[in-house]
Amino acid sequence: MLVPAGADIAAEWFDLCILFKGEALCRRFDNSKQGLEVCFAWLAAYDITHLQLVIEPTGRYGDLIAEYFHKKRSRVLLAQPLKFRRYAESLDMRGKTDRKDSIALSHYSKERGEKLLEWVPRTNVESELRDMGVLIRSLTKRSVVLQCQLKCGLKSEYVMERLELELERVDKELDEANKRAKELLCQHPVLKEDLRLAMTIPGIGIKSSVLLLTLIDFRKFKSSRALACFLGLTKKPNESGKSVKGKEHTSKRGSKLIRGALFMPARTARIHNPQMAEFSERLKEKEKHDWVIQIAVIRKLVTTVWAVITSGEEYNDAYQNPHLKPI
């Protein structure tokens, strides 16, 4: 029998709470292999071998713990941060500490464990691709900053020369990073096919395809709407009875880093993809703001990539969605 448990993880330690024989047993351990060995010795004292452990996927501090418990044949589950925070508030705990969060996670495991996403270990290629995503985002951001600085009306030739040299170096490193990411994708048979399918979409080149597949695991989403919700690209209504009917806004609950990285691929698609261009024009005729149009194109772009990848079919510009509602 799996014992419900929750772990709140920090850089140097983690707080573990288990619900055992009607009690909440809590203890802090070092976030290291030695700390995990001490943790399992503590569990063995209660004759506990397997846990249903819930963690929050916030950062990479939990990778070692998730891998260790997974190898010990425990079930490791991921709690969606926003949903868990609302659940923790419902427990009416006074204050917020690592220990209290671990207690809330253990109760979350007991009550909602069957509905949570299970943690799956990454392959070496997938782990390096995740790291490459960090590098590509960082270099892309630095390149954009330097380009903007060179266009701001600088007078000093010395400063301009230095910035141009740095921009040249950053762009070279960015090209090398994209090349390495492409090589990694081609080493993975499934991702290699996903890369080919994504590039059949007009306006999506090799750089955009590599960026999308590096940042997003398209195959883990059951629907295009689930992907849009994950990225925070769906609308959030604000209504109550007849008196309150607020303006709808984009939820922005997903990663702002991913949404930011999708800005330029969507802008390129608006220019080079006839369907995206037509979609943008229809929204312009509705007098929508350019930023609203950009968000809509980003959503349409990622859902289109999801469709070609999950269906295994190349992009077809003549395809008409029978469930599509006119704008």
C-alpha atoms as a PDB file:
ATOM      1  CA  MET A   1       0.000   0.000   0.000  1.00  0.00           C
ATOM      2  CA  LEU A   2       1.302   3.443  -0.959  1.00  0.00           C
ATOM      3  CA  VAL A   3       1.523   5.854   1.970  1.00  0.00           C
ATOM      4  CA  PRO A   4       0.381   9.435   1.137  1.00  0.00           C
ATOM      5  CA  ALA A   5       3.255  11.888   1.412  1.00  0.00           C
ATOM      6  CA  GLY A   6       4.245  15.403   0.398  1.00  0.00           C
ATOM      7  CA  ALA A   7       7.617  17.096   0.074  1.00  0.00           C
ATOM      8  CA  ASP A   8       8.321  20.815   0.021  1.00  0.00           C
ATOM      9  CA  ILE A   9      11.704  21.202  -1.659  1.00  0.00           C
ATOM     10  CA  ALA A  10      14.297  23.960  -1.302  1.00  0.00           C
ATOM     11  CA  ALA A  11      17.829  24.262  -2.664  1.00  0.00           C
ATOM     12  CA  GLU A  12      19.577  22.864   0.430  1.00  0.00           C
ATOM     13  CA  TRP A  13      16.881  20.760   2.132  1.00  0.00           C
ATOM     14  CA  PHE A  14      13.418  19.285   1.758  1.00  0.00           C
ATOM     15  CA  ASP A  15      10.597  18.843   4.278  1.00  0.00           C
ATOM     16  CA  LEU A  16       8.840  15.475   4.053  1.00  0.00           C
ATOM     17  CA  CYS A  17       5.468  14.698   5.611  1.00  0.00           C
ATOM     18  CA  ILE A  18       3.796  11.263   5.598  1.00  0.00           C
ATOM     19  CA  LEU A  19       0.263  10.400   6.728  1.00  0.00           C
ATOM     20  CA  PHE A  20       0.754   7.192   8.690  1.00  0.00           C
ATOM     21  CA  LYS A  21      -1.694   5.562  11.112  1.00  0.00           C
ATOM     22  CA  GLY A  22      -3.723   8.740  11.509  1.00  0.00           C
ATOM     23  CA  GLU A  23      -0.688  10.939  12.198  1.00  0.00           C
ATOM     24  CA  ALA A  24       1.239  13.470  10.135  1.00  0.00           C
ATOM     25  CA  LEU A  25       4.928  12.617  10.553  1.00  0.00           C
ATOM     26  CA  CYS A  26       7.262  15.402   9.422  1.00  0.00           C
ATOM     27  CA  ARG A  27      11.009  15.761   9.207  1.00  0.00           C
ATOM     28  CA  ARG A  28      13.598  17.843   7.330  1.00  0.00           C
ATOM     29  CA  PHE A  29      16.434  16.274   5.310  1.00  0.00           C
ATOM     30  CA  ASP A  30      19.356  17.570   3.271  1.00  0.00           C
ATOM     31  CA  ASN A  31      18.689  17.851  -0.464  1.00  0.00           C
ATOM     32  CA  SER A  32      21.519  15.450  -1.319  1.00  0.00           C
ATOM     33  CA  LYS A  33      22.142  11.729  -1.777  1.00  0.00           C
ATOM     34  CA  GLN A  34      23.236  11.474   1.840  1.00  0.00           C
ATOM     35  CA  GLY A  35      20.082  13.238   2.971  1.00  0.00           C
ATOM     36  CA  LEU A  36      17.940  10.871   0.909  1.00  0.00           C
ATOM     37  CA  GLU A  37      19.684   7.854   2.462  1.00  0.00           C
ATOM     38  CA  VAL A  38      18.884   9.249   5.919  1.00  0.00           C
ATOM     39  CA  CYS A  39      15.299   9.820   4.755  1.00  0.00           C
ATOM     40  CA  PHE A  40      14.833   6.197   3.689  1.00  0.00           C
ATOM     41  CA  ALA A  41      16.404   4.971   6.933  1.00  0.00           C
ATOM     42  CA  TRP A  42      13.811   7.085   8.778  1.00  0.00           C
ATOM     43  CA  LEU A  43      11.008   5.584   6.675  1.00  0.00           C
ATOM     44  CA  ALA A  44      12.348   2.065   7.277  1.00  0.00           C
ATOM     45  CA  ALA A  45      12.013   2.633  11.029  1.00  0.00           C
ATOM     46  CA  TYR A  46       8.229   2.862  10.448  1.00  0.00           C
ATOM     47  CA  ASP A  47       8.357  -0.118   8.060  1.00  0.00           C
ATOM     48  CA  ILE A  48       7.423   2.139   5.128  1.00  0.00           C
ATOM     49  CA  THR A  49       8.884   1.196   1.744  1.00  0.00           C
ATOM     50  CA  HIS A  50       6.697   2.901  -0.890  1.00  0.00           C
ATOM     51  CA  LEU A  51       5.148   6.362  -0.933  1.00  0.00           C
ATOM     52  CA  GLN A  52       2.689   8.267  -3.055  1.00  0.00           C
ATOM     53  CA  LEU A  53       4.762  11.425  -3.019  1.00  0.00           C
ATOM     54  CA  VAL A  54       3.462  14.777  -4.272  1.00  0.00           C
ATOM     55  CA  ILE A  55       5.884  17.579  -5.136  1.00  0.00           C
ATOM     56  CA  GLU A  56       5.523  20.936  -6.852  1.00  0.00           C
ATOM     57  CA  PRO A  57       7.355  21.245 -10.209  1.00  0.00           C
ATOM     58  CA  THR A  58       8.883  24.598  -9.258  1.00  0.00           C
ATOM     59  CA  GLY A  59      12.456  24.768 -10.494  1.00  0.00           C
ATOM     60  CA  ARG A  60      14.966  21.923 -10.624  1.00  0.00           C
ATOM     61  CA  TYR A  61      15.683  21.426  -6.953  1.00  0.00           C
ATOM     62  CA  GLY A  62      13.311  18.464  -6.905  1.00  0.00           C
ATOM     63  CA  ASP A  63      14.931  16.480  -9.730  1.00  0.00           C
ATOM     64  CA  LEU A  64      17.255  14.481  -7.468  1.00  0.00           C
ATOM     65  CA  ILE A  65      14.455  13.679  -4.997  1.00  0.00           C
ATOM     66  CA  ALA A  66      11.994  12.656  -7.730  1.00  0.00           C
ATOM     67  CA  GLU A  67      14.568  10.400  -9.401  1.00  0.00           C
ATOM     68  CA  TYR A  68      15.553   8.768  -6.097  1.00  0.00           C
ATOM     69  CA  PHE A  69      11.998   8.007  -4.994  1.00  0.00           C
ATOM     70  CA  HIS A  70      11.090   6.811  -8.499  1.00  0.00           C
ATOM     71  CA  LYS A  71      13.983   4.327  -8.450  1.00  0.00           C
ATOM     72  CA  LYS A  72      12.748   3.094  -5.054  1.00  0.00           C
ATOM     73  CA  ARG A  73       9.404   2.285  -6.753  1.00  0.00           C
ATOM     74  CA  SER A  74       7.462   5.057  -5.090  1.00  0.00           C
ATOM     75  CA  ARG A  75       4.839   6.948  -7.079  1.00  0.00           C
ATOM     76  CA  VAL A  76       5.914  10.540  -7.656  1.00  0.00           C
ATOM     77  CA  LEU A  77       3.142  12.997  -8.603  1.00  0.00           C
ATOM     78  CA  LEU A  78       3.239  16.619  -9.704  1.00  0.00           C
ATOM     79  CA  ALA A  79       0.943  19.236  -8.155  1.00  0.00           C
ATOM     80  CA  GLN A  80      -0.107  22.146 -10.343  1.00  0.00           C
ATOM     81  CA  PRO A  81       1.154  25.133  -8.275  1.00  0.00           C
ATOM     82  CA  LEU A  82      -1.926  27.361  -8.566  1.00  0.00           C
ATOM     83  CA  LYS A  83      -4.417  24.580  -7.835  1.00  0.00           C
ATOM     84  CA  PHE A  84      -2.357  23.386  -4.888  1.00  0.00           C
ATOM     85  CA  ARG A  85      -2.079  26.894  -3.466  1.00  0.00           C
ATOM     86  CA  ARG A  86      -5.859  27.238  -3.515  1.00  0.00           C
ATOM     87  CA  TYR A  87      -6.177  23.804  -1.890  1.00  0.00           C
ATOM     88  CA  ALA A  88      -3.674  24.727   0.838  1.00  0.00           C
ATOM     89  CA  GLU A  89      -5.660  27.890   1.583  1.00  0.00           C
ATOM     90  CA  SER A  90      -8.791  25.760   2.033  1.00  0.00           C
ATOM     91  CA  LEU A  91      -7.062  23.889   4.898  1.00  0.00           C
ATOM     92  CA  ASP A  92      -7.105  27.152   6.878  1.00  0.00           C
ATOM     93  CA  MET A  93      -3.490  26.874   8.001  1.00  0.00           C
ATOM     94  CA  ARG A  94      -2.213  29.927   9.840  1.00  0.00           C
ATOM     95  CA  GLY A  95       0.895  31.202   8.127  1.00  0.00           C
ATOM     96  CA  LYS A  96       3.050  29.565   5.473  1.00  0.00           C
ATOM     97  CA  THR A  97       6.189  27.542   6.172  1.00  0.00           C
ATOM     98  CA  ASP A  98       7.996  24.700   4.426  1.00  0.00           C
ATOM     99  CA  ARG A  99       6.706  22.273   7.045  1.00  0.00           C
ATOM    100  CA  LYS A 100       3.091  23.388   6.622  1.00  0.00           C
ATOM    101  CA  ASP A 101       3.416  23.140   2.851  1.00  0.00           C
ATOM    102  CA  SER A 102       4.653  19.556   3.168  1.00  0.00           C
ATOM    103  CA  ILE A 103       1.656  18.727   5.398  1.00  0.00           C
ATOM    104  CA  ALA A 104      -0.718  20.272   2.844  1.00  0.00           C
ATOM    105  CA  LEU A 105       0.986  18.315   0.030  1.00  0.00           C
ATOM    106  CA  SER A 106       0.556  15.047   1.933  1.00  0.00           C
ATOM    107  CA  HIS A 107      -3.194  15.692   2.346  1.00  0.00           C
ATOM    108  CA  TYR A 108      -3.311  16.680  -1.336  1.00  0.00           C
ATOM    109  CA  SER A 109      -1.741  13.303  -2.138  1.00  0.00           C
ATOM    110  CA  LYS A 110      -4.361  11.475  -0.104  1.00  0.00           C
ATOM    111  CA  GLU A 111      -7.374  13.344  -1.507  1.00  0.00           C
ATOM    112  CA  ARG A 112      -6.391  14.189  -5.086  1.00  0.00           C
ATOM    113  CA  GLY A 113      -3.585  11.741  -5.872  1.00  0.00           C
ATOM    114  CA  GLU A 114      -5.527   9.800  -8.508  1.00  0.00           C
ATOM    115  CA  LYS A 115      -6.095  12.972 -10.551  1.00  0.00           C
ATOM    116  CA  LEU A 116      -2.492  14.237 -10.568  1.00  0.00           C
ATOM    117  CA  LEU A 117       0.068  13.927 -13.340  1.00  0.00           C
ATOM    118  CA  GLU A 118       2.738  11.318 -12.668  1.00  0.00           C
ATOM    119  CA  TRP A 119       6.394  12.314 -12.839  1.00  0.00           C
ATOM    120  CA  VAL A 120       8.295  10.506 -15.601  1.00  0.00           C
ATOM    121  CA  PRO A 121      12.115  10.451 -15.718  1.00  0.00           C
ATOM    122  CA  ARG A 122      13.685  12.185 -18.690  1.00  0.00           C
ATOM    123  CA  THR A 123      16.164  10.567 -21.044  1.00  0.00           C
ATOM    124  CA  ASN A 124      19.630  12.108 -21.424  1.00  0.00           C
ATOM    125  CA  VAL A 125      18.564  13.710 -24.708  1.00  0.00           C
ATOM    126  CA  GLU A 126      15.411  15.177 -23.161  1.00  0.00           C
ATOM    127  CA  SER A 127      17.371  16.541 -20.183  1.00  0.00           C
ATOM    128  CA  GLU A 128      19.911  18.245 -22.421  1.00  0.00           C
ATOM    129  CA  LEU A 129      17.140  19.654 -24.596  1.00  0.00           C
ATOM    130  CA  ARG A 130      15.562  21.233 -21.524  1.00  0.00           C
ATOM    131  CA  ASP A 131      18.911  22.843 -20.705  1.00  0.00           C
ATOM    132  CA  MET A 132      19.308  23.981 -24.311  1.00  0.00           C
ATOM    133  CA  GLY A 133      15.966  25.736 -24.004  1.00  0.00           C
ATOM    134  CA  VAL A 134      17.386  27.846 -21.172  1.00  0.00           C
ATOM    135  CA  LEU A 135      20.466  28.729 -23.237  1.00  0.00           C
ATOM    136  CA  ILE A 136      18.473  29.601 -26.368  1.00  0.00           C
ATOM    137  CA  ARG A 137      16.058  31.826 -24.422  1.00  0.00           C
ATOM    138  CA  SER A 138      18.937  33.612 -22.710  1.00  0.00           C
ATOM    139  CA  LEU A 139      20.868  34.237 -25.938  1.00  0.00           C
ATOM    140  CA  THR A 140      17.745  35.320 -27.822  1.00  0.00           C
ATOM    141  CA  LYS A 141      16.868  37.821 -25.105  1.00  0.00           C
ATOM    142  CA  ARG A 142      20.406  39.239 -25.085  1.00  0.00           C
ATOM    143  CA  SER A 143      20.403  39.541 -28.890  1.00  0.00           C
ATOM    144  CA  VAL A 144      17.139  41.512 -28.852  1.00  0.00           C
ATOM    145  CA  VAL A 145      18.452  43.820 -26.111  1.00  0.00           C
ATOM    146  CA  LEU A 146      21.616  44.586 -28.094  1.00  0.00           C
ATOM    147  CA  GLN A 147      19.667  45.252 -31.291  1.00  0.00           C
ATOM    148  CA  CYS A 148      17.410  47.705 -29.446  1.00  0.00           C
ATOM    149  CA  GLN A 149      20.388  49.461 -27.867  1.00  0.00           C
ATOM    150  CA  LEU A 150      22.012  49.936 -31.286  1.00  0.00           C
ATOM    151  CA  LYS A 151      18.817  51.595 -32.542  1.00  0.00           C
ATOM    152  CA  CYS A 152      18.386  54.019 -29.636  1.00  0.00           C
ATOM    153  CA  GLY A 153      20.497  56.817 -31.132  1.00  0.00           C
ATOM    154  CA  LEU A 154      23.926  56.226 -29.612  1.00  0.00           C
ATOM    155  CA  LYS A 155      26.579  58.882 -30.383  1.00  0.00           C
ATOM    156  CA  SER A 156      29.725  57.142 -29.198  1.00  0.00           C
ATOM    157  CA  GLU A 157      31.413  55.156 -31.958  1.00  0.00           C
ATOM    158  CA  TYR A 158      33.367  53.221 -29.327  1.00  0.00           C
ATOM    159  CA  VAL A 159      30.166  52.075 -27.583  1.00  0.00           C
ATOM    160  CA  MET A 160      28.498  51.189 -30.882  1.00  0.00           C
ATOM    161  CA  GLU A 161      31.497  49.181 -31.982  1.00  0.00           C
ATOM    162  CA  ARG A 162      31.549  47.223 -28.712  1.00  0.00           C
ATOM    163  CA  LEU A 163      27.840  46.513 -28.875  1.00  0.00           C
ATOM    164  CA  GLU A 164      28.115  45.364 -32.496  1.00  0.00           C
ATOM    165  CA  LEU A 165      30.958  43.017 -31.581  1.00  0.00           C
ATOM    166  CA  GLU A 166      28.957  41.581 -28.696  1.00  0.00           C
ATOM    167  CA  LEU A 167      25.872  41.207 -30.914  1.00  0.00           C
ATOM    168  CA  GLU A 168      27.949  39.340 -33.474  1.00  0.00           C
ATOM    169  CA  ARG A 169      29.270  37.014 -30.759  1.00  0.00           C
ATOM    170  CA  VAL A 170      25.809  36.418 -29.249  1.00  0.00           C
ATOM    171  CA  ASP A 171      24.243  35.675 -32.647  1.00  0.00           C
ATOM    172  CA  LYS A 172      27.053  33.229 -33.414  1.00  0.00           C
ATOM    173  CA  GLU A 173      26.518  31.441 -30.098  1.00  0.00           C
ATOM    174  CA  LEU A 174      22.764  31.398 -30.746  1.00  0.00           C
ATOM    175  CA  ASP A 175      23.287  29.740 -34.124  1.00  0.00           C
ATOM    176  CA  GLU A 176      25.536  27.133 -32.496  1.00  0.00           C
ATOM    177  CA  ALA A 177      22.943  26.501 -29.765  1.00  0.00           C
ATOM    178  CA  ASN A 178      20.184  26.033 -32.347  1.00  0.00           C
ATOM    179  CA  LYS A 179      22.429  23.681 -34.306  1.00  0.00           C
ATOM    180  CA  ARG A 180      23.136  21.620 -31.188  1.00  0.00           C
ATOM    181  CA  ALA A 181      19.439  21.510 -30.287  1.00  0.00           C
ATOM    182  CA  LYS A 182      18.602  20.303 -33.815  1.00  0.00           C
ATOM    183  CA  GLU A 183      21.222  17.540 -33.502  1.00  0.00           C
ATOM    184  CA  LEU A 184      19.679  16.434 -30.198  1.00  0.00           C
ATOM    185  CA  LEU A 185      16.184  16.399 -31.687  1.00  0.00           C
ATOM    186  CA  CYS A 186      17.411  14.269 -34.591  1.00  0.00           C
ATOM    187  CA  GLN A 187      18.889  11.750 -32.131  1.00  0.00           C
ATOM    188  CA  HIS A 188      15.382  11.110 -30.759  1.00  0.00           C
ATOM    189  CA  PRO A 189      13.240   9.213 -33.328  1.00  0.00           C
ATOM    190  CA  VAL A 190       9.929  10.682 -32.141  1.00  0.00           C
ATOM    191  CA  LEU A 191      11.194  14.259 -31.801  1.00  0.00           C
ATOM    192  CA  LYS A 192      12.910  14.005 -35.182  1.00  0.00           C
ATOM    193  CA  GLU A 193       9.551  13.271 -36.811  1.00  0.00           C
ATOM    194  CA  ASP A 194       7.915  16.055 -34.769  1.00  0.00           C
ATOM    195  CA  LEU A 195      10.545  18.478 -36.083  1.00  0.00           C
ATOM    196  CA  ARG A 196       9.813  17.475 -39.668  1.00  0.00           C
ATOM    197  CA  LEU A 197       6.049  17.854 -39.189  1.00  0.00           C
ATOM    198  CA  ALA A 198       6.363  21.261 -37.522  1.00  0.00           C
ATOM    199  CA  MET A 199       8.450  22.565 -40.429  1.00  0.00           C
ATOM    200  CA  THR A 200       5.661  21.735 -42.902  1.00  0.00           C
ATOM    201  CA  ILE A 201       3.736  24.723 -41.497  1.00  0.00           C
ATOM    202  CA  PRO A 202       4.419  27.869 -43.585  1.00  0.00           C
ATOM    203  CA  GLY A 203       6.235  30.501 -41.557  1.00  0.00           C
ATOM    204  CA  ILE A 204       7.745  27.944 -39.170  1.00  0.00           C
ATOM    205  CA  GLY A 205      11.433  27.511 -39.965  1.00  0.00           C
ATOM    206  CA  ILE A 206      14.137  25.442 -38.352  1.00  0.00           C
ATOM    207  CA  LYS A 207      14.815  27.942 -35.559  1.00  0.00           C
ATOM    208  CA  SER A 208      11.154  28.303 -34.596  1.00  0.00           C
ATOM    209  CA  SER A 209      10.615  24.528 -34.776  1.00  0.00           C
ATOM    210  CA  VAL A 210      13.618  23.835 -32.567  1.00  0.00           C
ATOM    211  CA  LEU A 211      12.461  26.487 -30.085  1.00  0.00           C
ATOM    212  CA  LEU A 212       8.903  25.118 -29.903  1.00  0.00           C
ATOM    213  CA  LEU A 213       9.960  21.481 -29.460  1.00  0.00           C
ATOM    214  CA  THR A 214      12.611  22.453 -26.910  1.00  0.00           C
ATOM    215  CA  LEU A 215      10.165  24.399 -24.739  1.00  0.00           C
ATOM    216  CA  ILE A 216       6.935  22.381 -25.087  1.00  0.00           C
ATOM    217  CA  ASP A 217       6.199  18.666 -24.821  1.00  0.00           C
ATOM    218  CA  PHE A 218       3.256  18.668 -27.254  1.00  0.00           C
ATOM    219  CA  ARG A 219       2.423  14.970 -26.900  1.00  0.00           C
ATOM    220  CA  LYS A 220       1.518  15.161 -23.205  1.00  0.00           C
ATOM    221  CA  PHE A 221      -1.556  17.325 -23.900  1.00  0.00           C
ATOM    222  CA  LYS A 222      -4.842  15.583 -24.713  1.00  0.00           C
ATOM    223  CA  SER A 223      -6.303  18.552 -26.589  1.00  0.00           C
ATOM    224  CA  SER A 224      -5.237  21.831 -28.148  1.00  0.00           C
ATOM    225  CA  ARG A 225      -7.264  23.691 -25.518  1.00  0.00           C
ATOM    226  CA  ALA A 226      -5.365  21.916 -22.743  1.00  0.00           C
ATOM    227  CA  LEU A 227      -2.137  23.184 -24.316  1.00  0.00           C
ATOM    228  CA  ALA A 228      -3.522  26.723 -24.624  1.00  0.00           C
ATOM    229  CA  CYS A 229      -4.614  26.640 -20.961  1.00  0.00           C
ATOM    230  CA  PHE A 230      -1.158  25.414 -19.916  1.00  0.00           C
ATOM    231  CA  LEU A 231       0.467  28.344 -21.728  1.00  0.00           C
ATOM    232  CA  GLY A 232      -2.013  30.860 -20.276  1.00  0.00           C
ATOM    233  CA  LEU A 233      -3.450  31.760 -23.695  1.00  0.00           C
ATOM    234  CA  THR A 234      -7.139  31.218 -22.895  1.00  0.00           C
ATOM    235  CA  LYS A 235      -9.600  33.917 -21.868  1.00  0.00           C
ATOM    236  CA  LYS A 236     -10.631  34.374 -18.265  1.00  0.00           C
ATOM    237  CA  PRO A 237     -14.299  35.437 -17.909  1.00  0.00           C
ATOM    238  CA  ASN A 238     -15.410  37.710 -15.077  1.00  0.00           C
ATOM    239  CA  GLU A 239     -19.162  37.439 -14.541  1.00  0.00           C
ATOM    240  CA  SER A 240     -21.540  37.303 -11.599  1.00  0.00           C
ATOM    241  CA  GLY A 241     -25.317  37.500 -12.016  1.00  0.00           C
ATOM    242  CA  LYS A 242     -26.582  40.465 -14.038  1.00  0.00           C
ATOM    243  CA  SER A 243     -24.652  43.186 -12.258  1.00  0.00           C
ATOM    244  CA  VAL A 244     -21.060  42.054 -12.922  1.00  0.00           C
ATOM    245  CA  LYS A 245     -19.864  41.431 -16.451  1.00  0.00           C
ATOM    246  CA  GLY A 246     -16.209  42.383 -16.629  1.00  0.00           C
ATOM    247  CA  LYS A 247     -14.002  42.413 -19.697  1.00  0.00           C
ATOM    248  CA  GLU A 248     -12.367  39.112 -20.592  1.00  0.00           C
ATOM    249  CA  HIS A 249      -8.580  38.979 -20.363  1.00  0.00           C
ATOM    250  CA  THR A 250      -5.968  36.387 -21.192  1.00  0.00           C
ATOM    251  CA  SER A 251      -5.420  34.238 -18.115  1.00  0.00           C
ATOM    252  CA  LYS A 252      -1.570  34.360 -18.297  1.00  0.00           C
ATOM    253  CA  ARG A 253      -1.412  31.430 -15.881  1.00  0.00           C
ATOM    254  CA  GLY A 254       1.275  29.620 -17.860  1.00  0.00           C
ATOM    255  CA  SER A 255       4.971  30.329 -18.176  1.00  0.00           C
ATOM    256  CA  LYS A 256       5.622  33.902 -19.295  1.00  0.00           C
ATOM    257  CA  LEU A 257       9.045  32.770 -20.518  1.00  0.00           C
ATOM    258  CA  ILE A 258       7.466  30.406 -23.045  1.00  0.00           C
ATOM    259  CA  ARG A 259       4.897  32.997 -24.142  1.00  0.00           C
ATOM    260  CA  GLY A 260       7.699  35.513 -24.629  1.00  0.00           C
ATOM    261  CA  ALA A 261       9.755  33.034 -26.637  1.00  0.00           C
ATOM    262  CA  LEU A 262       6.770  32.440 -28.953  1.00  0.00           C
ATOM    263  CA  PHE A 263       6.446  36.138 -29.830  1.00  0.00           C
ATOM    264  CA  MET A 264       8.845  36.205 -32.800  1.00  0.00           C
ATOM    265  CA  PRO A 265       7.743  32.843 -34.315  1.00  0.00           C
ATOM    266  CA  ALA A 266       4.157  34.158 -34.281  1.00  0.00           C
ATOM    267  CA  ARG A 267       5.220  37.474 -35.811  1.00  0.00           C
ATOM    268  CA  THR A 268       7.042  35.599 -38.587  1.00  0.00           C
ATOM    269  CA  ALA A 269       4.015  33.360 -39.184  1.00  0.00           C
ATOM    270  CA  ARG A 270       1.804  36.457 -39.586  1.00  0.00           C
ATOM    271  CA  ILE A 271       4.009  37.515 -42.491  1.00  0.00           C
ATOM    272  CA  HIS A 272       4.847  34.242 -44.238  1.00  0.00           C
ATOM    273  CA  ASN A 273       1.825  32.011 -43.492  1.00  0.00           C
ATOM    274  CA  PRO A 274      -1.203  32.942 -45.679  1.00  0.00           C
ATOM    275  CA  GLN A 275      -3.694  31.421 -43.214  1.00  0.00           C
ATOM    276  CA  MET A 276      -2.177  33.294 -40.257  1.00  0.00           C
ATOM    277  CA  ALA A 277      -2.096  36.502 -42.293  1.00  0.00           C
ATOM    278  CA  GLU A 278      -5.766  36.096 -43.227  1.00  0.00           C
ATOM    279  CA  PHE A 279      -6.616  35.344 -39.594  1.00  0.00           C
ATOM    280  CA  SER A 280      -4.816  38.533 -38.507  1.00  0.00           C
ATOM    281  CA  GLU A 281      -6.639  40.629 -41.118  1.00  0.00           C
ATOM    282  CA  ARG A 282     -10.023  39.344 -39.949  1.00  0.00           C
ATOM    283  CA  LEU A 283      -9.171  40.416 -36.409  1.00  0.00           C
ATOM    284  CA  LYS A 284      -7.982  43.818 -37.661  1.00  0.00           C
ATOM    285  CA  GLU A 285     -11.331  44.321 -39.370  1.00  0.00           C
ATOM    286  CA  LYS A 286     -12.899  43.750 -35.952  1.00  0.00           C
ATOM    287  CA  GLU A 287     -10.701  46.647 -34.732  1.00  0.00           C
ATOM    288  CA  LYS A 288      -8.764  44.451 -32.338  1.00  0.00           C
ATOM    289  CA  HIS A 289      -5.570  45.833 -30.808  1.00  0.00           C
ATOM    290  CA  ASP A 290      -2.332  44.527 -32.343  1.00  0.00           C
ATOM    291  CA  TRP A 291      -1.334  42.861 -29.064  1.00  0.00           C
ATOM    292  CA  VAL A 292      -4.676  41.033 -28.914  1.00  0.00           C
ATOM    293  CA  ILE A 293      -4.060  39.837 -32.477  1.00  0.00           C
ATOM    294  CA  GLN A 294      -0.547  38.724 -31.563  1.00  0.00           C
ATOM    295  CA  ILE A 295      -1.782  36.628 -28.620  1.00  0.00           C
ATOM    296  CA  ALA A 296      -4.463  35.072 -30.845  1.00  0.00           C
ATOM    297  CA  VAL A 297      -1.848  34.184 -33.474  1.00  0.00           C
ATOM    298  CA  ILE A 298       0.442  32.679 -30.835  1.00  0.00           C
ATOM    299  CA  ARG A 299      -2.399  30.457 -29.662  1.00  0.00           C
ATOM    300  CA  LYS A 300      -3.357  29.479 -33.220  1.00  0.00           C
ATOM    301  CA  LEU A 301       0.287  28.745 -34.012  1.00  0.00           C
ATOM    302  CA  VAL A 302       0.949  26.425 -31.065  1.00  0.00           C
ATOM    303  CA  THR A 303      -2.393  24.633 -31.488  1.00  0.00           C
ATOM    304  CA  THR A 304      -1.596  24.101 -35.181  1.00  0.00           C
ATOM    305  CA  VAL A 305       1.783  22.610 -34.285  1.00  0.00           C
ATOM    306  CA  TRP A 306       0.021  20.405 -31.710  1.00  0.00           C
ATOM    307  CA  ALA A 307      -2.442  19.227 -34.383  1.00  0.00           C
ATOM    308  CA  VAL A 308       0.185  18.176 -36.942  1.00  0.00           C
ATOM    309  CA  ILE A 309       2.345  16.475 -34.299  1.00  0.00           C
ATOM    310  CA  THR A 310      -0.412  14.505 -32.565  1.00  0.00           C
ATOM    311  CA  SER A 311      -2.105  13.528 -35.857  1.00  0.00           C
ATOM    312  CA  GLY A 312       1.176  12.593 -37.535  1.00  0.00           C
ATOM    313  CA  GLU A 313       0.044  14.346 -40.708  1.00  0.00           C
ATOM    314  CA  GLU A 314       1.718  17.202 -42.556  1.00  0.00           C
ATOM    315  CA  TYR A 315       0.171  20.656 -42.578  1.00  0.00           C
ATOM    316  CA  ASN A 316      -2.710  20.996 -45.035  1.00  0.00           C
ATOM    317  CA  ASP A 317      -3.749  24.572 -45.849  1.00  0.00           C
ATOM    318  CA  ALA A 318      -7.025  23.318 -47.343  1.00  0.00           C
ATOM    319  CA  TYR A 319      -8.154  21.667 -44.105  1.00  0.00           C
ATOM    320  CA  GLN A 320     -11.308  23.116 -42.569  1.00  0.00           C
ATOM    321  CA  ASN A 321     -12.195  22.431 -38.955  1.00  0.00           C
ATOM    322  CA  PRO A 322     -15.876  21.371 -38.874  1.00  0.00           C
ATOM    323  CA  HIS A 323     -16.203  22.704 -35.318  1.00  0.00           C
ATOM    324  CA  LEU A 324     -14.672  26.114 -36.075  1.00  0.00           C
ATOM    325  CA  LYS A 325     -16.862  29.090 -35.224  1.00  0.00           C
ATOM    326  CA  PRO A 326     -16.527  32.251 -37.351  1.00  0.00           C
ATOM    327  CA  ILE A 327     -14.857  35.223 -35.666  1.00  0.00           C
END
